[in-house]
Amino acid sequence: MENKQILELATSFPPIVGTTPKILILGSMPGMESLKQQRYYAHPRNAFWPIITSLYGPSKKLDYSQRCELLKQQQIAVWDVLKSCRRPGSLDQHIETESMIANDFVAFLQRYPSINQILFNGGKADQVFKRYAAKQLEAAGISLLYRRLPSTSPAHAAMNYETKQRLWHQALLKTVAP
């Protein structure tokens, strides 16, 4: 008989969202450090906040609430594809497929119809979104542009920070144009 470890259900947290976001950045599920701190991209080596603040911020020394406000001012929302799942550790590849429950994107995008593009923070977010949410959005008549960007996770070490930063900056500057 196989002794399978029982994993605790990890639950994501509410989105960072202002009143009229244009862009929704989606991760897959917060990592362990983010879940512990209840903050998006809390791992000190995650490139998300350095990339964002290098483009929009007056300083890299912004605290978390200031970073969230900065995103809202830029009409950028941040959320995760998954509402909950089981995963040992922080790696997306270890998410148990049968445990995945997606967030309600139809309701979210109906509430924020100003969103016209979704940027995926890595391949897993893109893959899971397409599997669990894309058909529901299509059925609801919600049409958006989608773009997958390299993961800002430190686990995605195949690409250096400078390349990630350049690709993220290009995507963000392109999408915020009126």
Protein backbone atom coordinates (compact mmCIF):
# COMPACT_ATOMS: atom_id res chain seq x y z
CA MET A 1 0.00 0.00 0.00
CA GLU A 2 1.38 3.36 -1.00
CA ASN A 3 1.71 5.94 1.76
CA LYS A 4 0.60 9.17 0.08
CA GLN A 5 1.21 12.41 1.93
CA ILE A 6 -1.95 14.39 2.59
CA LEU A 7 -1.34 17.95 1.52
CA GLU A 8 -3.12 21.00 2.86
CA LEU A 9 -5.28 22.86 0.37
CA ALA A 10 -3.55 26.10 -0.64
CA THR A 11 -5.92 29.00 -1.20
CA SER A 12 -5.09 32.11 -3.17
CA PHE A 13 -6.05 35.59 -2.04
CA PRO A 14 -8.04 38.48 -3.51
CA PRO A 15 -6.76 40.30 -6.57
CA ILE A 16 -4.92 43.58 -6.60
CA VAL A 17 -7.33 45.68 -8.64
CA GLY A 18 -8.28 49.33 -9.00
CA THR A 19 -11.44 50.78 -10.45
CA THR A 20 -10.65 50.63 -14.20
CA PRO A 21 -7.86 48.15 -14.92
CA LYS A 22 -6.88 47.56 -18.55
CA ILE A 23 -4.45 44.69 -18.00
CA LEU A 24 -4.81 41.58 -15.85
CA ILE A 25 -1.57 39.82 -14.94
CA LEU A 26 -2.19 36.21 -13.95
CA GLY A 27 0.07 33.85 -12.09
CA SER A 28 -0.84 30.23 -11.48
CA MET A 29 -0.94 30.03 -7.66
CA PRO A 30 1.08 31.93 -5.04
CA GLY A 31 4.20 30.17 -3.81
CA MET A 32 4.77 29.19 -0.20
CA GLU A 33 6.40 32.49 0.82
CA SER A 34 3.60 34.50 -0.80
CA LEU A 35 0.96 32.37 0.92
CA LYS A 36 2.77 32.79 4.24
CA GLN A 37 2.93 36.58 3.87
CA GLN A 38 -0.42 36.89 2.03
CA ARG A 39 1.30 39.05 -0.57
CA TYR A 40 1.77 38.53 -4.27
CA TYR A 41 5.30 37.68 -5.39
CA ALA A 42 6.75 37.76 -1.87
CA HIS A 43 9.78 35.54 -2.52
CA PRO A 44 12.79 37.86 -2.30
CA ARG A 45 14.26 36.48 -5.54
CA ASN A 46 11.07 36.75 -7.59
CA ALA A 47 11.63 39.31 -10.36
CA PHE A 48 8.03 40.58 -10.53
CA TRP A 49 8.30 43.61 -8.24
CA PRO A 50 11.77 44.67 -9.43
CA ILE A 51 10.51 44.55 -13.02
CA ILE A 52 7.36 46.54 -12.20
CA THR A 53 9.12 49.17 -10.10
CA SER A 54 11.92 49.55 -12.66
CA LEU A 55 9.29 50.51 -15.23
CA TYR A 56 6.82 52.54 -13.16
CA GLY A 57 8.24 53.15 -9.72
CA PRO A 58 10.09 56.14 -8.37
CA SER A 59 12.10 53.79 -6.19
CA LYS A 60 12.73 50.11 -5.60
CA LYS A 61 12.19 50.80 -1.90
CA LEU A 62 8.39 50.90 -2.09
CA ASP A 63 6.57 48.85 0.53
CA TYR A 64 3.95 46.30 -0.51
CA SER A 65 0.94 48.62 -0.22
CA GLN A 66 2.74 51.27 -2.29
CA ARG A 67 3.57 48.67 -4.93
CA CYS A 68 -0.08 47.65 -5.08
CA GLU A 69 -1.11 51.29 -5.48
CA LEU A 70 1.46 51.71 -8.23
CA LEU A 71 -0.15 48.85 -10.16
CA LYS A 72 -3.62 50.33 -9.70
CA GLN A 73 -2.40 53.73 -10.95
CA GLN A 74 -1.05 52.00 -14.06
CA GLN A 75 -4.43 50.29 -14.55
CA ILE A 76 -2.91 46.86 -13.93
CA ALA A 77 -4.66 44.15 -11.93
CA VAL A 78 -2.91 41.07 -10.52
CA TRP A 79 -4.54 37.76 -9.64
CA ASP A 80 -4.01 34.03 -9.98
CA VAL A 81 -5.70 31.51 -12.21
CA LEU A 82 -6.22 29.08 -9.36
CA LYS A 83 -8.44 29.77 -6.40
CA SER A 84 -7.12 26.68 -4.65
CA CYS A 85 -5.04 23.55 -5.18
CA ARG A 86 -2.76 21.11 -3.44
CA ARG A 87 0.96 21.46 -4.07
CA PRO A 88 3.98 20.35 -2.09
CA GLY A 89 6.32 23.34 -2.07
CA SER A 90 6.19 26.23 -4.53
CA LEU A 91 6.89 24.67 -7.92
CA ASP A 92 4.03 24.78 -10.41
CA GLN A 93 4.99 21.38 -11.77
CA HIS A 94 3.97 19.85 -8.42
CA ILE A 95 0.40 21.18 -8.44
CA GLU A 96 -1.95 18.21 -8.19
CA THR A 97 -4.15 18.50 -11.27
CA GLU A 98 -7.17 16.84 -9.65
CA SER A 99 -7.14 19.45 -6.86
CA MET A 100 -7.20 22.56 -9.09
CA ILE A 101 -10.13 24.96 -8.75
CA ALA A 102 -10.01 28.08 -10.91
CA ASN A 103 -11.10 31.56 -9.93
CA ASP A 104 -14.35 32.87 -11.44
CA PHE A 105 -13.08 34.89 -14.40
CA VAL A 106 -16.49 35.44 -15.96
CA ALA A 107 -17.72 37.28 -12.86
CA PHE A 108 -14.41 39.13 -12.45
CA LEU A 109 -14.26 40.33 -16.05
CA GLN A 110 -17.93 41.30 -16.03
CA ARG A 111 -17.19 43.40 -12.95
CA TYR A 112 -14.12 44.95 -14.66
CA PRO A 113 -15.09 45.28 -18.34
CA SER A 114 -12.23 47.76 -18.87
CA ILE A 115 -9.78 44.81 -18.93
CA ASN A 116 -8.87 44.06 -22.52
CA GLN A 117 -5.74 41.96 -22.15
CA ILE A 118 -4.39 39.20 -19.94
CA LEU A 119 -0.66 38.73 -19.47
CA PHE A 120 0.33 35.32 -18.12
CA ASN A 121 3.25 35.18 -15.71
CA GLY A 122 4.68 31.95 -17.08
CA GLY A 123 3.54 28.89 -18.94
CA LYS A 124 1.61 27.20 -16.15
CA ALA A 125 -0.72 30.18 -15.70
CA ASP A 126 -1.36 30.22 -19.46
CA GLN A 127 -1.94 26.46 -19.60
CA VAL A 128 -4.26 26.27 -16.60
CA PHE A 129 -6.25 29.35 -17.68
CA LYS A 130 -6.85 27.89 -21.13
CA ARG A 131 -7.92 24.60 -19.57
CA TYR A 132 -10.27 25.97 -16.90
CA ALA A 133 -11.41 29.46 -17.90
CA ALA A 134 -11.10 30.24 -21.61
CA LYS A 135 -14.21 28.29 -22.70
CA GLN A 136 -16.36 29.91 -20.02
CA LEU A 137 -15.24 33.37 -21.17
CA GLU A 138 -15.98 32.52 -24.78
CA ALA A 139 -19.44 31.23 -23.82
CA ALA A 140 -20.07 34.48 -21.92
CA GLY A 141 -19.08 36.53 -24.96
CA ILE A 142 -15.93 37.92 -23.33
CA SER A 143 -13.11 38.37 -25.82
CA LEU A 144 -9.62 39.41 -24.73
CA LEU A 145 -6.07 39.45 -26.00
CA TYR A 146 -3.72 36.97 -24.32
CA ARG A 147 0.05 37.02 -24.05
CA ARG A 148 2.34 34.64 -22.22
CA LEU A 149 5.44 36.16 -20.65
CA PRO A 150 8.40 34.44 -19.01
CA SER A 151 7.84 33.49 -15.41
CA THR A 152 9.29 35.93 -12.90
CA SER A 153 9.84 33.04 -10.49
CA PRO A 154 13.40 32.34 -9.37
CA ALA A 155 12.71 28.72 -10.40
CA HIS A 156 12.69 29.91 -14.03
CA ALA A 157 16.45 30.27 -14.17
CA ALA A 158 16.79 29.45 -17.87
CA MET A 159 16.32 33.15 -18.59
CA ASN A 160 18.29 35.91 -16.92
CA TYR A 161 16.74 38.90 -15.19
CA GLU A 162 17.68 41.38 -17.92
CA THR A 163 15.90 39.35 -20.61
CA LYS A 164 12.82 38.88 -18.43
CA GLN A 165 12.79 42.60 -17.67
CA ARG A 166 13.06 43.55 -21.34
CA LEU A 167 10.24 41.22 -22.41
CA TRP A 168 7.96 42.34 -19.57
CA HIS A 169 8.67 46.02 -20.26
CA GLN A 170 7.94 45.56 -23.97
CA ALA A 171 4.63 43.84 -23.20
CA LEU A 172 3.53 46.37 -20.59
CA LEU A 173 4.46 49.41 -22.64
CA LYS A 174 2.68 47.95 -25.66
CA THR A 175 -0.52 47.12 -23.77
CA VAL A 176 -0.99 50.38 -21.87
CA ALA A 177 -1.17 52.50 -25.01
CA PRO A 178 -4.72 53.85 -25.53
